[in-house]
Amino acid sequence: MLLPCEVAVKTLLPVIKAKVARELVGTHRLKQTEAAELLGSTQSSISQYLSGIRGSALKIEDLREVDEAVKTMAHMLMAGKTGRERVIMMEFCKACTAARRERLMCEIHKRLDPFIEIDSCKLCVSLECKSS
């Protein structure tokens, strides 16, 4: 049995990190090394996010909640405010919850765990982020 959170860690979180990396490098004009430092990653990882080698398992381009969370995370990283880690973690959770609610991981979950019944599974749809 493969839990939805395991699928999210393998597929969804890298996609969200890639979007944050693109926001930092594209919108905020950071160098890859600067973005890597802010994300606690490496320049190589950022390069792979930007080129689509990493973080391209799912398409989450049209989800407003994800886009808002990504912008908030990038802003918080740029601002360097105390306590930003908690806000960034909550925004990751919001983005993940939004993507799961839209059932974006279901097909990948089925490929990774053939025993899962995605047609009748409503687990991710019913989840809410407890970010308070």
C-alpha atoms as a PDB file:
ATOM      1  CA  MET A   1       0.000   0.000   0.000  1.00  0.00           C
ATOM      2  CA  LEU A   2       1.396   3.340  -1.089  1.00  0.00           C
ATOM      3  CA  LEU A   3       0.072   6.322   0.839  1.00  0.00           C
ATOM      4  CA  PRO A   4      -0.904   9.547  -0.933  1.00  0.00           C
ATOM      5  CA  CYS A   5       1.753  11.419   1.053  1.00  0.00           C
ATOM      6  CA  GLU A   6       4.416   9.080  -0.338  1.00  0.00           C
ATOM      7  CA  VAL A   7       3.240   9.825  -3.870  1.00  0.00           C
ATOM      8  CA  ALA A   8       3.248  13.551  -3.073  1.00  0.00           C
ATOM      9  CA  VAL A   9       6.823  13.431  -1.777  1.00  0.00           C
ATOM     10  CA  LYS A  10       8.015  11.655  -4.922  1.00  0.00           C
ATOM     11  CA  THR A  11       6.038  13.639  -7.487  1.00  0.00           C
ATOM     12  CA  LEU A  12       4.206  16.716  -6.249  1.00  0.00           C
ATOM     13  CA  LEU A  13       6.721  18.354  -3.917  1.00  0.00           C
ATOM     14  CA  PRO A  14       9.457  18.433  -6.588  1.00  0.00           C
ATOM     15  CA  VAL A  15       6.968  20.093  -8.963  1.00  0.00           C
ATOM     16  CA  ILE A  16       6.175  22.759  -6.369  1.00  0.00           C
ATOM     17  CA  LYS A  17       9.882  23.282  -5.624  1.00  0.00           C
ATOM     18  CA  ALA A  18      10.506  23.660  -9.351  1.00  0.00           C
ATOM     19  CA  LYS A  19       7.812  26.341  -9.551  1.00  0.00           C
ATOM     20  CA  VAL A  20       9.376  28.192  -6.614  1.00  0.00           C
ATOM     21  CA  ALA A  21      12.807  27.929  -8.264  1.00  0.00           C
ATOM     22  CA  ARG A  22      11.391  29.348 -11.516  1.00  0.00           C
ATOM     23  CA  GLU A  23       9.768  32.182  -9.572  1.00  0.00           C
ATOM     24  CA  LEU A  24      13.020  33.024  -7.781  1.00  0.00           C
ATOM     25  CA  VAL A  25      15.188  32.874 -10.903  1.00  0.00           C
ATOM     26  CA  GLY A  26      12.667  34.285 -13.373  1.00  0.00           C
ATOM     27  CA  THR A  27      10.644  36.885 -11.510  1.00  0.00           C
ATOM     28  CA  HIS A  28      13.127  37.811  -8.789  1.00  0.00           C
ATOM     29  CA  ARG A  29      16.186  37.505 -11.065  1.00  0.00           C
ATOM     30  CA  LEU A  30      18.261  35.419  -8.667  1.00  0.00           C
ATOM     31  CA  LYS A  31      21.209  33.381  -9.838  1.00  0.00           C
ATOM     32  CA  GLN A  32      20.753  29.628  -9.596  1.00  0.00           C
ATOM     33  CA  THR A  33      23.246  29.491  -6.715  1.00  0.00           C
ATOM     34  CA  GLU A  34      21.270  32.139  -4.802  1.00  0.00           C
ATOM     35  CA  ALA A  35      17.982  30.319  -5.370  1.00  0.00           C
ATOM     36  CA  ALA A  36      19.614  27.069  -4.271  1.00  0.00           C
ATOM     37  CA  GLU A  37      20.813  28.651  -1.049  1.00  0.00           C
ATOM     38  CA  LEU A  38      17.347  29.997  -0.245  1.00  0.00           C
ATOM     39  CA  LEU A  39      15.709  26.634  -0.986  1.00  0.00           C
ATOM     40  CA  GLY A  40      18.349  24.631   0.889  1.00  0.00           C
ATOM     41  CA  SER A  41      19.235  22.896  -2.346  1.00  0.00           C
ATOM     42  CA  THR A  42      22.091  22.797  -4.836  1.00  0.00           C
ATOM     43  CA  GLN A  43      22.723  24.785  -7.996  1.00  0.00           C
ATOM     44  CA  SER A  44      22.537  21.499  -9.908  1.00  0.00           C
ATOM     45  CA  SER A  45      19.041  20.809  -8.538  1.00  0.00           C
ATOM     46  CA  ILE A  46      17.892  24.303  -9.468  1.00  0.00           C
ATOM     47  CA  SER A  47      19.287  23.829 -12.978  1.00  0.00           C
ATOM     48  CA  GLN A  48      17.380  20.546 -13.280  1.00  0.00           C
ATOM     49  CA  TYR A  49      14.168  22.188 -12.004  1.00  0.00           C
ATOM     50  CA  LEU A  50      14.525  24.985 -14.562  1.00  0.00           C
ATOM     51  CA  SER A  51      15.229  22.630 -17.460  1.00  0.00           C
ATOM     52  CA  GLY A  52      12.399  20.241 -16.557  1.00  0.00           C
ATOM     53  CA  ILE A  53      14.643  17.279 -15.739  1.00  0.00           C
ATOM     54  CA  ARG A  54      13.343  17.384 -12.161  1.00  0.00           C
ATOM     55  CA  GLY A  55       9.947  18.464 -10.960  1.00  0.00           C
ATOM     56  CA  SER A  56       7.990  17.717 -14.106  1.00  0.00           C
ATOM     57  CA  ALA A  57       6.006  14.608 -13.134  1.00  0.00           C
ATOM     58  CA  LEU A  58       2.740  16.551 -12.890  1.00  0.00           C
ATOM     59  CA  LYS A  59       1.268  19.577 -14.606  1.00  0.00           C
ATOM     60  CA  ILE A  60      -0.026  22.064 -12.052  1.00  0.00           C
ATOM     61  CA  GLU A  61       0.231  25.198 -14.156  1.00  0.00           C
ATOM     62  CA  ASP A  62      -3.390  26.308 -13.952  1.00  0.00           C
ATOM     63  CA  LEU A  63      -4.096  26.018 -10.239  1.00  0.00           C
ATOM     64  CA  ARG A  64      -4.612  29.469  -8.719  1.00  0.00           C
ATOM     65  CA  GLU A  65      -4.036  28.240  -5.145  1.00  0.00           C
ATOM     66  CA  VAL A  66      -0.714  26.680  -6.123  1.00  0.00           C
ATOM     67  CA  ASP A  67       0.383  29.814  -7.976  1.00  0.00           C
ATOM     68  CA  GLU A  68      -0.517  31.983  -4.982  1.00  0.00           C
ATOM     69  CA  ALA A  69       1.360  29.678  -2.603  1.00  0.00           C
ATOM     70  CA  VAL A  70       4.426  29.707  -4.870  1.00  0.00           C
ATOM     71  CA  LYS A  71       4.422  33.511  -5.020  1.00  0.00           C
ATOM     72  CA  THR A  72       4.074  33.723  -1.233  1.00  0.00           C
ATOM     73  CA  MET A  73       6.930  31.258  -0.716  1.00  0.00           C
ATOM     74  CA  ALA A  74       9.210  33.141  -3.103  1.00  0.00           C
ATOM     75  CA  HIS A  75       8.330  36.456  -1.458  1.00  0.00           C
ATOM     76  CA  MET A  76       9.024  35.077   2.023  1.00  0.00           C
ATOM     77  CA  LEU A  77      12.323  33.594   0.895  1.00  0.00           C
ATOM     78  CA  MET A  78      13.352  36.920  -0.629  1.00  0.00           C
ATOM     79  CA  ALA A  79      12.262  38.920   2.427  1.00  0.00           C
ATOM     80  CA  GLY A  80      14.366  36.829   4.798  1.00  0.00           C
ATOM     81  CA  LYS A  81      11.941  37.444   7.646  1.00  0.00           C
ATOM     82  CA  THR A  82      12.201  35.683  10.988  1.00  0.00           C
ATOM     83  CA  GLY A  83       9.680  32.870  11.244  1.00  0.00           C
ATOM     84  CA  ARG A  84       9.422  32.482   7.484  1.00  0.00           C
ATOM     85  CA  GLU A  85      10.019  28.724   7.664  1.00  0.00           C
ATOM     86  CA  ARG A  86       6.624  28.126   9.278  1.00  0.00           C
ATOM     87  CA  VAL A  87       4.844  30.229   6.648  1.00  0.00           C
ATOM     88  CA  ILE A  88       6.716  28.510   3.817  1.00  0.00           C
ATOM     89  CA  MET A  89       5.850  25.071   5.204  1.00  0.00           C
ATOM     90  CA  MET A  90       2.186  26.064   5.450  1.00  0.00           C
ATOM     91  CA  GLU A  91       2.245  27.322   1.857  1.00  0.00           C
ATOM     92  CA  PHE A  92       3.770  24.021   0.683  1.00  0.00           C
ATOM     93  CA  CYS A  93       0.936  22.228   2.484  1.00  0.00           C
ATOM     94  CA  LYS A  94      -1.662  24.522   0.875  1.00  0.00           C
ATOM     95  CA  ALA A  95      -0.224  23.911  -2.597  1.00  0.00           C
ATOM     96  CA  CYS A  96      -0.074  20.162  -2.024  1.00  0.00           C
ATOM     97  CA  THR A  97      -3.638  20.071  -0.695  1.00  0.00           C
ATOM     98  CA  ALA A  98      -4.934  22.064  -3.670  1.00  0.00           C
ATOM     99  CA  ALA A  99      -3.272  19.722  -6.171  1.00  0.00           C
ATOM    100  CA  ARG A 100      -4.497  16.641  -4.316  1.00  0.00           C
ATOM    101  CA  ARG A 101      -8.030  18.032  -4.125  1.00  0.00           C
ATOM    102  CA  GLU A 102      -7.971  18.337  -7.932  1.00  0.00           C
ATOM    103  CA  ARG A 103      -6.974  14.629  -8.105  1.00  0.00           C
ATOM    104  CA  LEU A 104      -3.762  15.421  -9.984  1.00  0.00           C
ATOM    105  CA  MET A 105      -1.842  12.551  -8.390  1.00  0.00           C
ATOM    106  CA  CYS A 106      -4.399   9.795  -8.982  1.00  0.00           C
ATOM    107  CA  GLU A 107      -3.011   8.408 -12.253  1.00  0.00           C
ATOM    108  CA  ILE A 108       0.547   8.359 -10.925  1.00  0.00           C
ATOM    109  CA  HIS A 109      -0.682   6.755  -7.699  1.00  0.00           C
ATOM    110  CA  LYS A 110      -2.369   4.020  -9.770  1.00  0.00           C
ATOM    111  CA  ARG A 111       0.829   3.397 -11.767  1.00  0.00           C
ATOM    112  CA  LEU A 112       2.888   3.129  -8.580  1.00  0.00           C
ATOM    113  CA  ASP A 113       0.293   1.053  -6.709  1.00  0.00           C
ATOM    114  CA  PRO A 114      -1.866  -1.025  -9.105  1.00  0.00           C
ATOM    115  CA  PHE A 115      -4.118  -2.121  -6.236  1.00  0.00           C
ATOM    116  CA  ILE A 116      -5.422   1.370  -5.541  1.00  0.00           C
ATOM    117  CA  GLU A 117      -8.945   1.992  -6.859  1.00  0.00           C
ATOM    118  CA  ILE A 118      -8.674   5.581  -8.042  1.00  0.00           C
ATOM    119  CA  ASP A 119     -12.245   5.740  -9.346  1.00  0.00           C
ATOM    120  CA  SER A 120     -13.717   5.171  -5.895  1.00  0.00           C
ATOM    121  CA  CYS A 121     -10.946   6.752  -3.814  1.00  0.00           C
ATOM    122  CA  LYS A 122     -11.895  10.150  -2.434  1.00  0.00           C
ATOM    123  CA  LEU A 123      -9.196  10.468   0.224  1.00  0.00           C
ATOM    124  CA  CYS A 124      -7.254  13.376  -1.283  1.00  0.00           C
ATOM    125  CA  VAL A 125     -10.421  15.232  -2.246  1.00  0.00           C
ATOM    126  CA  SER A 126     -11.604  15.184   1.361  1.00  0.00           C
ATOM    127  CA  LEU A 127      -8.322  16.372   2.883  1.00  0.00           C
ATOM    128  CA  GLU A 128      -7.947  19.902   4.159  1.00  0.00           C
ATOM    129  CA  CYS A 129      -4.782  21.684   5.170  1.00  0.00           C
ATOM    130  CA  LYS A 130      -4.732  22.479   8.881  1.00  0.00           C
ATOM    131  CA  SER A 131      -2.419  25.460   8.621  1.00  0.00           C
ATOM    132  CA  SER A 132      -3.371  27.503  11.637  1.00  0.00           C
END
